[in-house]
Amino acid sequence: MCIRDSLRDDPYVIEKGIDVDNMTEEMLVFEGTAREAAKAFPKSANVAAAVGYASLGLDKVEVKIYIDPKSDRNRHALRIESGHGDITAEASNVPFEINPRTSKLAAYSILASVRGLAQPVVAGT
């Protein structure tokens, strides 16, 4: 589920004529594979693509994208179902003011990774 600002300018939303500014209720705006999601939302579907690459593949991971005009967060819900058991995980992130397509946590994670690249390698404790 996404806040409207995170998907407003995506080509898919524009092409389908989805009026995010006048939405009053949560709406399913996309349903397809991770590959299709990445093509439809190239700036927003990074989590779907990452899950696809890390699991069954881009063509076997099913993705649903909702816009919720009442939400102030970007939410990712992951459900894994198998004959051995089920797993559900959910993340709800505050959008980054500079770019509402991503979260503040993602921005801080990138900064930490870059700092880690600049640090010398340390062996031991």
N, C-alpha and C. Protein backbone atom coordinates (compact mmCIF):
# COMPACT_ATOMS: atom_id res chain seq x y z
N MET A 1 0.85 -1.16 0.00
CA MET A 1 0.00 0.00 0.00
C MET A 1 0.89 1.22 0.00
N CYS A 2 0.56 2.19 -0.79
CA CYS A 2 1.37 3.39 -0.91
C CYS A 2 0.52 4.63 -0.68
N ILE A 3 1.20 5.65 -0.22
CA ILE A 3 0.53 6.95 -0.18
C ILE A 3 0.46 7.47 -1.60
N ARG A 4 -0.45 8.36 -1.85
CA ARG A 4 -0.65 8.81 -3.22
C ARG A 4 0.56 9.53 -3.80
N ASP A 5 1.31 10.26 -2.98
CA ASP A 5 2.46 11.01 -3.49
C ASP A 5 3.53 10.10 -4.08
N SER A 6 3.64 8.88 -3.58
CA SER A 6 4.71 8.01 -4.05
C SER A 6 4.46 7.45 -5.45
N LEU A 7 3.22 7.44 -5.90
CA LEU A 7 2.91 6.88 -7.22
C LEU A 7 2.31 7.89 -8.20
N ARG A 8 2.09 9.09 -7.77
CA ARG A 8 1.40 10.10 -8.57
C ARG A 8 1.95 10.24 -9.99
N ASP A 9 3.26 10.26 -10.15
CA ASP A 9 3.86 10.52 -11.46
C ASP A 9 4.34 9.28 -12.19
N ASP A 10 3.99 8.10 -11.67
CA ASP A 10 4.41 6.88 -12.36
C ASP A 10 3.70 6.77 -13.70
N PRO A 11 4.43 6.36 -14.75
CA PRO A 11 3.83 6.24 -16.09
C PRO A 11 2.57 5.37 -16.10
N TYR A 12 2.55 4.30 -15.33
CA TYR A 12 1.39 3.40 -15.29
C TYR A 12 0.16 4.13 -14.78
N VAL A 13 0.31 4.90 -13.72
CA VAL A 13 -0.81 5.65 -13.14
C VAL A 13 -1.34 6.67 -14.13
N ILE A 14 -0.43 7.35 -14.81
CA ILE A 14 -0.83 8.35 -15.80
C ILE A 14 -1.50 7.67 -16.99
N GLU A 15 -0.89 6.58 -17.49
CA GLU A 15 -1.43 5.86 -18.64
C GLU A 15 -2.84 5.32 -18.38
N LYS A 16 -3.07 4.84 -17.17
CA LYS A 16 -4.38 4.28 -16.81
C LYS A 16 -5.39 5.34 -16.40
N GLY A 17 -4.94 6.61 -16.33
CA GLY A 17 -5.84 7.71 -15.98
C GLY A 17 -6.30 7.65 -14.53
N ILE A 18 -5.46 7.14 -13.66
CA ILE A 18 -5.82 7.03 -12.24
C ILE A 18 -5.64 8.41 -11.60
N ASP A 19 -6.70 8.96 -11.09
CA ASP A 19 -6.70 10.30 -10.50
C ASP A 19 -6.42 10.19 -9.00
N VAL A 20 -5.14 10.17 -8.65
CA VAL A 20 -4.78 9.97 -7.25
C VAL A 20 -5.18 11.16 -6.37
N ASP A 21 -5.27 12.34 -6.94
CA ASP A 21 -5.60 13.52 -6.14
C ASP A 21 -7.05 13.55 -5.67
N ASN A 22 -7.93 12.85 -6.37
CA ASN A 22 -9.34 12.86 -5.97
C ASN A 22 -9.80 11.53 -5.38
N MET A 23 -8.86 10.66 -5.03
CA MET A 23 -9.21 9.39 -4.38
C MET A 23 -9.67 9.66 -2.95
N THR A 24 -10.67 8.93 -2.54
CA THR A 24 -11.13 9.05 -1.15
C THR A 24 -11.01 7.74 -0.39
N GLU A 25 -10.85 6.64 -1.12
CA GLU A 25 -10.74 5.31 -0.50
C GLU A 25 -9.54 4.57 -1.09
N GLU A 26 -9.08 3.58 -0.35
CA GLU A 26 -8.00 2.71 -0.83
C GLU A 26 -8.42 2.06 -2.15
N MET A 27 -7.45 1.96 -3.08
CA MET A 27 -7.77 1.39 -4.40
C MET A 27 -6.63 0.49 -4.87
N LEU A 28 -6.99 -0.70 -5.36
CA LEU A 28 -6.03 -1.58 -6.01
C LEU A 28 -5.76 -1.00 -7.39
N VAL A 29 -4.51 -0.62 -7.66
CA VAL A 29 -4.19 0.00 -8.94
C VAL A 29 -3.37 -0.91 -9.85
N PHE A 30 -2.83 -2.00 -9.29
CA PHE A 30 -2.02 -2.90 -10.10
C PHE A 30 -2.04 -4.30 -9.50
N GLU A 31 -2.10 -5.29 -10.38
CA GLU A 31 -1.96 -6.68 -9.96
C GLU A 31 -1.25 -7.41 -11.10
N GLY A 32 -0.14 -8.04 -10.79
CA GLY A 32 0.63 -8.75 -11.80
C GLY A 32 1.87 -9.37 -11.19
N THR A 33 2.83 -9.73 -12.03
CA THR A 33 4.07 -10.33 -11.55
C THR A 33 5.05 -9.23 -11.12
N ALA A 34 6.11 -9.64 -10.44
CA ALA A 34 7.15 -8.68 -10.05
C ALA A 34 7.79 -8.05 -11.28
N ARG A 35 7.96 -8.83 -12.34
CA ARG A 35 8.52 -8.29 -13.57
C ARG A 35 7.61 -7.20 -14.15
N GLU A 36 6.30 -7.49 -14.19
CA GLU A 36 5.34 -6.50 -14.70
C GLU A 36 5.30 -5.26 -13.81
N ALA A 37 5.40 -5.47 -12.50
CA ALA A 37 5.40 -4.34 -11.56
C ALA A 37 6.62 -3.46 -11.79
N ALA A 38 7.78 -4.08 -11.98
CA ALA A 38 9.00 -3.31 -12.20
C ALA A 38 8.92 -2.50 -13.49
N LYS A 39 8.29 -3.06 -14.52
CA LYS A 39 8.12 -2.32 -15.78
C LYS A 39 7.09 -1.20 -15.63
N ALA A 40 6.00 -1.48 -14.91
CA ALA A 40 4.93 -0.50 -14.75
C ALA A 40 5.31 0.63 -13.80
N PHE A 41 6.11 0.30 -12.79
CA PHE A 41 6.50 1.27 -11.77
C PHE A 41 8.02 1.25 -11.59
N PRO A 42 8.77 1.68 -12.60
CA PRO A 42 10.24 1.56 -12.54
C PRO A 42 10.90 2.34 -11.41
N LYS A 43 10.24 3.35 -10.89
CA LYS A 43 10.81 4.13 -9.80
C LYS A 43 10.30 3.70 -8.43
N SER A 44 9.33 2.79 -8.41
CA SER A 44 8.66 2.48 -7.14
C SER A 44 8.64 1.01 -6.77
N ALA A 45 8.87 0.12 -7.71
CA ALA A 45 8.67 -1.31 -7.44
C ALA A 45 9.96 -2.04 -7.08
N ASN A 46 10.89 -1.34 -6.45
CA ASN A 46 12.17 -1.97 -6.12
C ASN A 46 12.02 -3.12 -5.12
N VAL A 47 11.11 -3.02 -4.19
CA VAL A 47 10.91 -4.10 -3.22
C VAL A 47 10.36 -5.34 -3.93
N ALA A 48 9.40 -5.15 -4.82
CA ALA A 48 8.84 -6.28 -5.57
C ALA A 48 9.92 -6.96 -6.40
N ALA A 49 10.76 -6.17 -7.05
CA ALA A 49 11.83 -6.74 -7.86
C ALA A 49 12.84 -7.48 -6.98
N ALA A 50 13.20 -6.90 -5.85
CA ALA A 50 14.16 -7.54 -4.95
C ALA A 50 13.63 -8.88 -4.44
N VAL A 51 12.35 -8.93 -4.08
CA VAL A 51 11.75 -10.18 -3.63
C VAL A 51 11.74 -11.19 -4.77
N GLY A 52 11.44 -10.74 -5.97
CA GLY A 52 11.45 -11.64 -7.12
C GLY A 52 12.83 -12.24 -7.37
N TYR A 53 13.86 -11.39 -7.34
CA TYR A 53 15.22 -11.88 -7.56
C TYR A 53 15.67 -12.82 -6.43
N ALA A 54 15.24 -12.54 -5.21
CA ALA A 54 15.69 -13.31 -4.05
C ALA A 54 14.90 -14.60 -3.83
N SER A 55 13.84 -14.81 -4.58
CA SER A 55 13.00 -15.98 -4.31
C SER A 55 12.75 -16.78 -5.59
N LEU A 56 11.51 -16.91 -5.96
CA LEU A 56 11.10 -17.78 -7.07
C LEU A 56 11.39 -17.22 -8.46
N GLY A 57 11.66 -15.94 -8.53
CA GLY A 57 11.90 -15.30 -9.82
C GLY A 57 10.86 -14.23 -10.11
N LEU A 58 11.21 -13.31 -10.96
CA LEU A 58 10.35 -12.17 -11.28
C LEU A 58 9.00 -12.56 -11.86
N ASP A 59 8.94 -13.69 -12.53
CA ASP A 59 7.69 -14.09 -13.17
C ASP A 59 6.79 -14.94 -12.29
N LYS A 60 7.28 -15.33 -11.11
CA LYS A 60 6.48 -16.18 -10.22
C LYS A 60 6.01 -15.46 -8.96
N VAL A 61 6.55 -14.28 -8.71
CA VAL A 61 6.14 -13.50 -7.54
C VAL A 61 4.96 -12.63 -7.92
N GLU A 62 3.86 -12.76 -7.19
CA GLU A 62 2.65 -11.98 -7.45
C GLU A 62 2.69 -10.68 -6.65
N VAL A 63 2.32 -9.60 -7.30
CA VAL A 63 2.39 -8.27 -6.69
C VAL A 63 1.04 -7.58 -6.82
N LYS A 64 0.63 -6.94 -5.74
CA LYS A 64 -0.54 -6.06 -5.76
C LYS A 64 -0.09 -4.71 -5.23
N ILE A 65 -0.48 -3.65 -5.92
CA ILE A 65 -0.14 -2.30 -5.49
C ILE A 65 -1.43 -1.53 -5.26
N TYR A 66 -1.54 -0.98 -4.07
CA TYR A 66 -2.70 -0.19 -3.67
C TYR A 66 -2.26 1.24 -3.43
N ILE A 67 -3.17 2.16 -3.64
CA ILE A 67 -2.97 3.53 -3.19
C ILE A 67 -4.02 3.81 -2.13
N ASP A 68 -3.56 4.32 -1.00
CA ASP A 68 -4.45 4.65 0.10
C ASP A 68 -4.29 6.14 0.42
N PRO A 69 -5.26 6.97 0.03
CA PRO A 69 -5.13 8.41 0.25
C PRO A 69 -5.15 8.80 1.72
N LYS A 70 -5.55 7.90 2.59
CA LYS A 70 -5.60 8.20 4.03
C LYS A 70 -4.30 7.84 4.74
N SER A 71 -3.41 7.16 4.05
CA SER A 71 -2.17 6.71 4.67
C SER A 71 -1.09 7.77 4.57
N ASP A 72 -0.23 7.81 5.58
CA ASP A 72 0.91 8.72 5.55
C ASP A 72 2.22 7.93 5.49
N ARG A 73 2.11 6.65 5.14
CA ARG A 73 3.28 5.78 5.08
C ARG A 73 3.23 4.90 3.83
N ASN A 74 4.41 4.45 3.43
CA ASN A 74 4.51 3.43 2.40
C ASN A 74 4.62 2.09 3.11
N ARG A 75 3.79 1.15 2.72
CA ARG A 75 3.75 -0.13 3.41
C ARG A 75 4.03 -1.26 2.44
N HIS A 76 4.81 -2.21 2.90
CA HIS A 76 5.12 -3.42 2.13
C HIS A 76 4.68 -4.61 2.96
N ALA A 77 3.86 -5.45 2.40
CA ALA A 77 3.44 -6.68 3.07
C ALA A 77 3.91 -7.85 2.23
N LEU A 78 4.61 -8.76 2.85
CA LEU A 78 5.14 -9.93 2.17
C LEU A 78 4.49 -11.17 2.76
N ARG A 79 3.90 -11.97 1.89
CA ARG A 79 3.27 -13.21 2.34
C ARG A 79 3.86 -14.36 1.54
N ILE A 80 4.45 -15.30 2.25
CA ILE A 80 5.02 -16.48 1.62
C ILE A 80 4.17 -17.66 2.05
N GLU A 81 3.66 -18.39 1.07
CA GLU A 81 2.81 -19.55 1.36
C GLU A 81 3.43 -20.78 0.72
N SER A 82 3.55 -21.83 1.50
CA SER A 82 4.08 -23.08 0.95
C SER A 82 3.43 -24.26 1.67
N GLY A 83 3.70 -25.44 1.18
CA GLY A 83 3.20 -26.65 1.81
C GLY A 83 3.85 -26.92 3.16
N HIS A 84 4.92 -26.20 3.46
CA HIS A 84 5.65 -26.40 4.71
C HIS A 84 5.28 -25.39 5.79
N GLY A 85 4.61 -24.32 5.39
CA GLY A 85 4.24 -23.28 6.35
C GLY A 85 4.08 -21.94 5.64
N ASP A 86 3.68 -20.97 6.40
CA ASP A 86 3.45 -19.63 5.86
C ASP A 86 4.23 -18.61 6.66
N ILE A 87 4.64 -17.54 6.00
CA ILE A 87 5.34 -16.44 6.65
C ILE A 87 4.68 -15.14 6.20
N THR A 88 4.47 -14.24 7.13
CA THR A 88 3.97 -12.91 6.82
C THR A 88 4.89 -11.89 7.47
N ALA A 89 5.30 -10.89 6.71
CA ALA A 89 6.13 -9.80 7.23
C ALA A 89 5.59 -8.50 6.67
N GLU A 90 5.68 -7.45 7.47
CA GLU A 90 5.16 -6.16 7.04
C GLU A 90 6.09 -5.04 7.49
N ALA A 91 6.31 -4.07 6.61
CA ALA A 91 7.08 -2.88 6.94
C ALA A 91 6.24 -1.67 6.60
N SER A 92 6.24 -0.70 7.47
CA SER A 92 5.50 0.54 7.26
C SER A 92 6.48 1.68 7.49
N ASN A 93 6.80 2.40 6.43
CA ASN A 93 7.86 3.39 6.48
C ASN A 93 7.37 4.81 6.23
N VAL A 94 7.99 5.74 6.94
CA VAL A 94 7.73 7.15 6.72
C VAL A 94 8.44 7.55 5.44
N PRO A 95 7.73 8.17 4.49
CA PRO A 95 8.38 8.59 3.24
C PRO A 95 9.45 9.65 3.50
N PHE A 96 10.47 9.65 2.68
CA PHE A 96 11.52 10.65 2.72
C PHE A 96 10.97 11.92 2.07
N GLU A 97 11.08 13.04 2.75
CA GLU A 97 10.48 14.29 2.25
C GLU A 97 10.98 14.66 0.86
N ILE A 98 12.25 14.43 0.62
CA ILE A 98 12.85 14.79 -0.66
C ILE A 98 12.33 13.90 -1.78
N ASN A 99 12.04 12.63 -1.48
CA ASN A 99 11.57 11.68 -2.47
C ASN A 99 10.57 10.73 -1.81
N PRO A 100 9.28 10.99 -1.93
CA PRO A 100 8.28 10.16 -1.25
C PRO A 100 8.18 8.73 -1.78
N ARG A 101 8.90 8.41 -2.87
CA ARG A 101 8.91 7.04 -3.39
C ARG A 101 9.74 6.10 -2.52
N THR A 102 10.54 6.68 -1.64
CA THR A 102 11.39 5.87 -0.78
C THR A 102 11.21 6.30 0.67
N SER A 103 11.81 5.57 1.57
CA SER A 103 11.65 5.89 2.99
C SER A 103 12.91 6.53 3.54
N LYS A 104 12.75 7.16 4.70
CA LYS A 104 13.92 7.70 5.38
C LYS A 104 14.88 6.58 5.75
N LEU A 105 14.34 5.43 6.11
CA LEU A 105 15.20 4.29 6.46
C LEU A 105 16.08 3.88 5.29
N ALA A 106 15.52 3.89 4.08
CA ALA A 106 16.31 3.53 2.90
C ALA A 106 17.43 4.54 2.69
N ALA A 107 17.12 5.81 2.86
CA ALA A 107 18.15 6.85 2.69
C ALA A 107 19.26 6.67 3.71
N TYR A 108 18.91 6.42 4.96
CA TYR A 108 19.93 6.21 5.99
C TYR A 108 20.72 4.93 5.74
N SER A 109 20.08 3.92 5.22
CA SER A 109 20.76 2.67 4.90
C SER A 109 21.80 2.88 3.80
N ILE A 110 21.44 3.68 2.79
CA ILE A 110 22.39 3.98 1.72
C ILE A 110 23.58 4.75 2.27
N LEU A 111 23.32 5.73 3.14
CA LEU A 111 24.42 6.48 3.74
C LEU A 111 25.35 5.57 4.53
N ALA A 112 24.78 4.66 5.30
CA ALA A 112 25.60 3.72 6.09
C ALA A 112 26.42 2.83 5.17
N SER A 113 25.84 2.39 4.05
CA SER A 113 26.58 1.55 3.11
C SER A 113 27.74 2.31 2.47
N VAL A 114 27.51 3.54 2.09
CA VAL A 114 28.57 4.35 1.48
C VAL A 114 29.68 4.60 2.50
N ARG A 115 29.29 4.92 3.73
CA ARG A 115 30.31 5.11 4.78
C ARG A 115 31.12 3.84 4.98
N GLY A 116 30.44 2.70 4.93
CA GLY A 116 31.13 1.42 5.09
C GLY A 116 32.13 1.16 3.98
N LEU A 117 31.82 1.61 2.77
CA LEU A 117 32.75 1.46 1.65
C LEU A 117 34.00 2.31 1.83
N ALA A 118 33.84 3.44 2.48
CA ALA A 118 34.95 4.37 2.67
C ALA A 118 35.83 4.00 3.87
N GLN A 119 35.37 3.13 4.74
CA GLN A 119 36.12 2.72 5.92
C GLN A 119 37.14 1.64 5.54
N PRO A 120 38.28 1.67 6.21
CA PRO A 120 39.24 0.59 5.94
C PRO A 120 38.70 -0.74 6.47
N VAL A 121 39.18 -1.80 5.88
CA VAL A 121 38.75 -3.14 6.32
C VAL A 121 39.40 -3.42 7.67
N VAL A 122 38.61 -3.92 8.61
CA VAL A 122 39.10 -4.23 9.94
C VAL A 122 38.91 -5.73 10.17
N ALA A 123 39.95 -6.39 10.60
CA ALA A 123 39.88 -7.80 10.92
C ALA A 123 39.91 -7.98 12.42
N GLY A 124 39.11 -8.88 12.93
CA GLY A 124 39.07 -9.11 14.36
C GLY A 124 38.17 -8.13 15.07
N THR A 125 38.35 -8.01 16.39
CA THR A 125 37.49 -7.13 17.18
C THR A 125 38.13 -5.83 17.52
